Amino acid sequence: MASKKATQKSLSLAPVLDLNEATALCDKLMALKGSDLAIDASAVERIGALCAQVLMAGAKTWEADSRAYTFTRASEPFLKTMQLIGVDIEHLLAKETQQ
């Protein structure tokens, strides 16, 4: 029987998260499923609605699996765009990231 304790994995997001990146982002997330996940969004310069949707679907998937899913670092463009499109990620930000 597998141990319930899984190691934390990390994922660094690409600078441009547009339509072309959505499938790759989904594949990367699914490869990390089952582990606690720390996402580094510090390099993000631009994010489209589809990639935002993929990230939020990931949050729901990790929540359903009772796993941690946090943004450890987030760039200003990432945070502003998420806010502009109406996605609240405040609850997903690591405490160190929140100001």
C-alpha atoms as a PDB file:
ATOM      1  CA  MET A   1       0.000   0.000   0.000  1.00  0.00           C
ATOM      2  CA  ALA A   2       1.373   3.395  -0.977  1.00  0.00           C
ATOM      3  CA  SER A   3       2.162   5.965   1.659  1.00  0.00           C
ATOM      4  CA  LYS A   4      -0.282   8.868   1.915  1.00  0.00           C
ATOM      5  CA  LYS A   5       2.609  11.263   2.388  1.00  0.00           C
ATOM      6  CA  ALA A   6       3.810  12.491  -0.996  1.00  0.00           C
ATOM      7  CA  THR A   7       6.685  14.819  -1.591  1.00  0.00           C
ATOM      8  CA  GLN A   8       6.022  18.351  -2.700  1.00  0.00           C
ATOM      9  CA  LYS A   9       6.661  18.994  -6.370  1.00  0.00           C
ATOM     10  CA  SER A  10       7.222  22.350  -8.012  1.00  0.00           C
ATOM     11  CA  LEU A  11       6.282  23.849 -11.355  1.00  0.00           C
ATOM     12  CA  SER A  12       7.731  27.002 -12.867  1.00  0.00           C
ATOM     13  CA  LEU A  13       5.370  28.685 -15.292  1.00  0.00           C
ATOM     14  CA  ALA A  14       6.492  29.978 -18.682  1.00  0.00           C
ATOM     15  CA  PRO A  15       6.690  33.748 -19.281  1.00  0.00           C
ATOM     16  CA  VAL A  16       3.896  33.619 -21.874  1.00  0.00           C
ATOM     17  CA  LEU A  17       0.858  31.505 -21.041  1.00  0.00           C
ATOM     18  CA  ASP A  18      -1.303  31.843 -24.128  1.00  0.00           C
ATOM     19  CA  LEU A  19      -3.477  29.532 -26.217  1.00  0.00           C
ATOM     20  CA  ASN A  20      -0.383  27.751 -27.566  1.00  0.00           C
ATOM     21  CA  GLU A  21       0.799  26.924 -24.027  1.00  0.00           C
ATOM     22  CA  ALA A  22      -2.527  25.675 -22.605  1.00  0.00           C
ATOM     23  CA  THR A  23      -2.180  22.009 -23.617  1.00  0.00           C
ATOM     24  CA  ALA A  24       1.430  21.837 -22.431  1.00  0.00           C
ATOM     25  CA  LEU A  25       0.437  23.430 -19.111  1.00  0.00           C
ATOM     26  CA  CYS A  26      -2.366  20.897 -18.657  1.00  0.00           C
ATOM     27  CA  ASP A  27       0.028  18.029 -19.436  1.00  0.00           C
ATOM     28  CA  LYS A  28       2.583  19.356 -16.933  1.00  0.00           C
ATOM     29  CA  LEU A  29      -0.051  19.610 -14.217  1.00  0.00           C
ATOM     30  CA  MET A  30      -1.405  16.116 -14.860  1.00  0.00           C
ATOM     31  CA  ALA A  31       2.123  14.691 -14.666  1.00  0.00           C
ATOM     32  CA  LEU A  32       2.381  16.131 -11.132  1.00  0.00           C
ATOM     33  CA  LYS A  33      -1.058  14.960  -9.957  1.00  0.00           C
ATOM     34  CA  GLY A  34      -1.074  13.170  -6.633  1.00  0.00           C
ATOM     35  CA  SER A  35       1.647  15.313  -5.064  1.00  0.00           C
ATOM     36  CA  ASP A  36       1.522  18.576  -3.183  1.00  0.00           C
ATOM     37  CA  LEU A  37       2.347  21.298  -5.705  1.00  0.00           C
ATOM     38  CA  ALA A  38       4.123  24.642  -5.392  1.00  0.00           C
ATOM     39  CA  ILE A  39       3.747  26.832  -8.479  1.00  0.00           C
ATOM     40  CA  ASP A  40       6.251  29.568  -9.283  1.00  0.00           C
ATOM     41  CA  ALA A  41       4.542  32.240 -11.408  1.00  0.00           C
ATOM     42  CA  SER A  42       7.284  34.837 -10.925  1.00  0.00           C
ATOM     43  CA  ALA A  43       8.398  34.741 -14.575  1.00  0.00           C
ATOM     44  CA  VAL A  44       4.890  35.176 -16.034  1.00  0.00           C
ATOM     45  CA  GLU A  45       4.662  38.269 -18.221  1.00  0.00           C
ATOM     46  CA  ARG A  46       1.358  37.425 -19.915  1.00  0.00           C
ATOM     47  CA  ILE A  47      -1.427  34.944 -19.188  1.00  0.00           C
ATOM     48  CA  GLY A  48      -4.507  34.239 -21.249  1.00  0.00           C
ATOM     49  CA  ALA A  49      -7.909  33.167 -19.999  1.00  0.00           C
ATOM     50  CA  LEU A  50      -7.493  29.561 -21.156  1.00  0.00           C
ATOM     51  CA  CYS A  51      -4.302  29.049 -19.142  1.00  0.00           C
ATOM     52  CA  ALA A  52      -5.951  30.738 -16.156  1.00  0.00           C
ATOM     53  CA  GLN A  53      -8.784  28.233 -16.535  1.00  0.00           C
ATOM     54  CA  VAL A  54      -6.299  25.333 -16.665  1.00  0.00           C
ATOM     55  CA  LEU A  55      -4.638  26.575 -13.479  1.00  0.00           C
ATOM     56  CA  MET A  56      -7.971  26.913 -11.678  1.00  0.00           C
ATOM     57  CA  ALA A  57      -9.091  23.463 -12.851  1.00  0.00           C
ATOM     58  CA  GLY A  58      -5.824  22.202 -11.378  1.00  0.00           C
ATOM     59  CA  ALA A  59      -6.663  23.890  -8.083  1.00  0.00           C
ATOM     60  CA  LYS A  60     -10.024  22.092  -8.002  1.00  0.00           C
ATOM     61  CA  THR A  61      -8.385  18.763  -8.868  1.00  0.00           C
ATOM     62  CA  TRP A  62      -5.773  19.120  -6.119  1.00  0.00           C
ATOM     63  CA  GLU A  63      -8.493  20.170  -3.650  1.00  0.00           C
ATOM     64  CA  ALA A  64     -10.544  17.079  -4.521  1.00  0.00           C
ATOM     65  CA  ASP A  65      -7.426  14.948  -3.924  1.00  0.00           C
ATOM     66  CA  SER A  66      -6.782  16.728  -0.571  1.00  0.00           C
ATOM     67  CA  ARG A  67      -3.376  17.924  -1.778  1.00  0.00           C
ATOM     68  CA  ALA A  68      -1.717  21.325  -1.384  1.00  0.00           C
ATOM     69  CA  TYR A  69      -1.739  23.578  -4.469  1.00  0.00           C
ATOM     70  CA  THR A  70      -0.108  26.949  -3.880  1.00  0.00           C
ATOM     71  CA  PHE A  71       1.496  29.755  -5.792  1.00  0.00           C
ATOM     72  CA  THR A  72       4.782  30.339  -4.000  1.00  0.00           C
ATOM     73  CA  ARG A  73       5.738  33.347  -6.086  1.00  0.00           C
ATOM     74  CA  ALA A  74       3.706  35.406  -8.530  1.00  0.00           C
ATOM     75  CA  SER A  75       4.650  38.274 -10.830  1.00  0.00           C
ATOM     76  CA  GLU A  76       2.696  41.513 -10.848  1.00  0.00           C
ATOM     77  CA  PRO A  77       1.410  40.901 -14.424  1.00  0.00           C
ATOM     78  CA  PHE A  78       0.197  37.447 -13.376  1.00  0.00           C
ATOM     79  CA  LEU A  79      -1.670  38.786 -10.332  1.00  0.00           C
ATOM     80  CA  LYS A  80      -3.151  41.759 -12.204  1.00  0.00           C
ATOM     81  CA  THR A  81      -4.371  39.670 -15.127  1.00  0.00           C
ATOM     82  CA  MET A  82      -5.948  37.087 -12.847  1.00  0.00           C
ATOM     83  CA  GLN A  83      -7.740  39.902 -11.034  1.00  0.00           C
ATOM     84  CA  LEU A  84      -8.848  41.542 -14.291  1.00  0.00           C
ATOM     85  CA  ILE A  85     -10.416  38.349 -15.615  1.00  0.00           C
ATOM     86  CA  GLY A  86     -12.164  37.785 -12.298  1.00  0.00           C
ATOM     87  CA  VAL A  87     -10.128  34.908 -10.881  1.00  0.00           C
ATOM     88  CA  ASP A  88      -9.470  35.134  -7.151  1.00  0.00           C
ATOM     89  CA  ILE A  89      -6.298  33.250  -6.244  1.00  0.00           C
ATOM     90  CA  GLU A  90      -5.773  34.932  -2.865  1.00  0.00           C
ATOM     91  CA  HIS A  91      -6.522  31.656  -1.055  1.00  0.00           C
ATOM     92  CA  LEU A  92      -3.931  29.841  -3.200  1.00  0.00           C
ATOM     93  CA  LEU A  93      -1.051  32.230  -2.507  1.00  0.00           C
ATOM     94  CA  ALA A  94       1.600  31.089  -0.072  1.00  0.00           C
ATOM     95  CA  LYS A  95       1.593  33.205   3.072  1.00  0.00           C
ATOM     96  CA  GLU A  96       4.988  34.663   2.129  1.00  0.00           C
ATOM     97  CA  THR A  97       3.534  35.867  -1.187  1.00  0.00           C
ATOM     98  CA  GLN A  98       0.543  37.666   0.314  1.00  0.00           C
ATOM     99  CA  GLN A  99       1.066  41.290   1.250  1.00  0.00           C
END
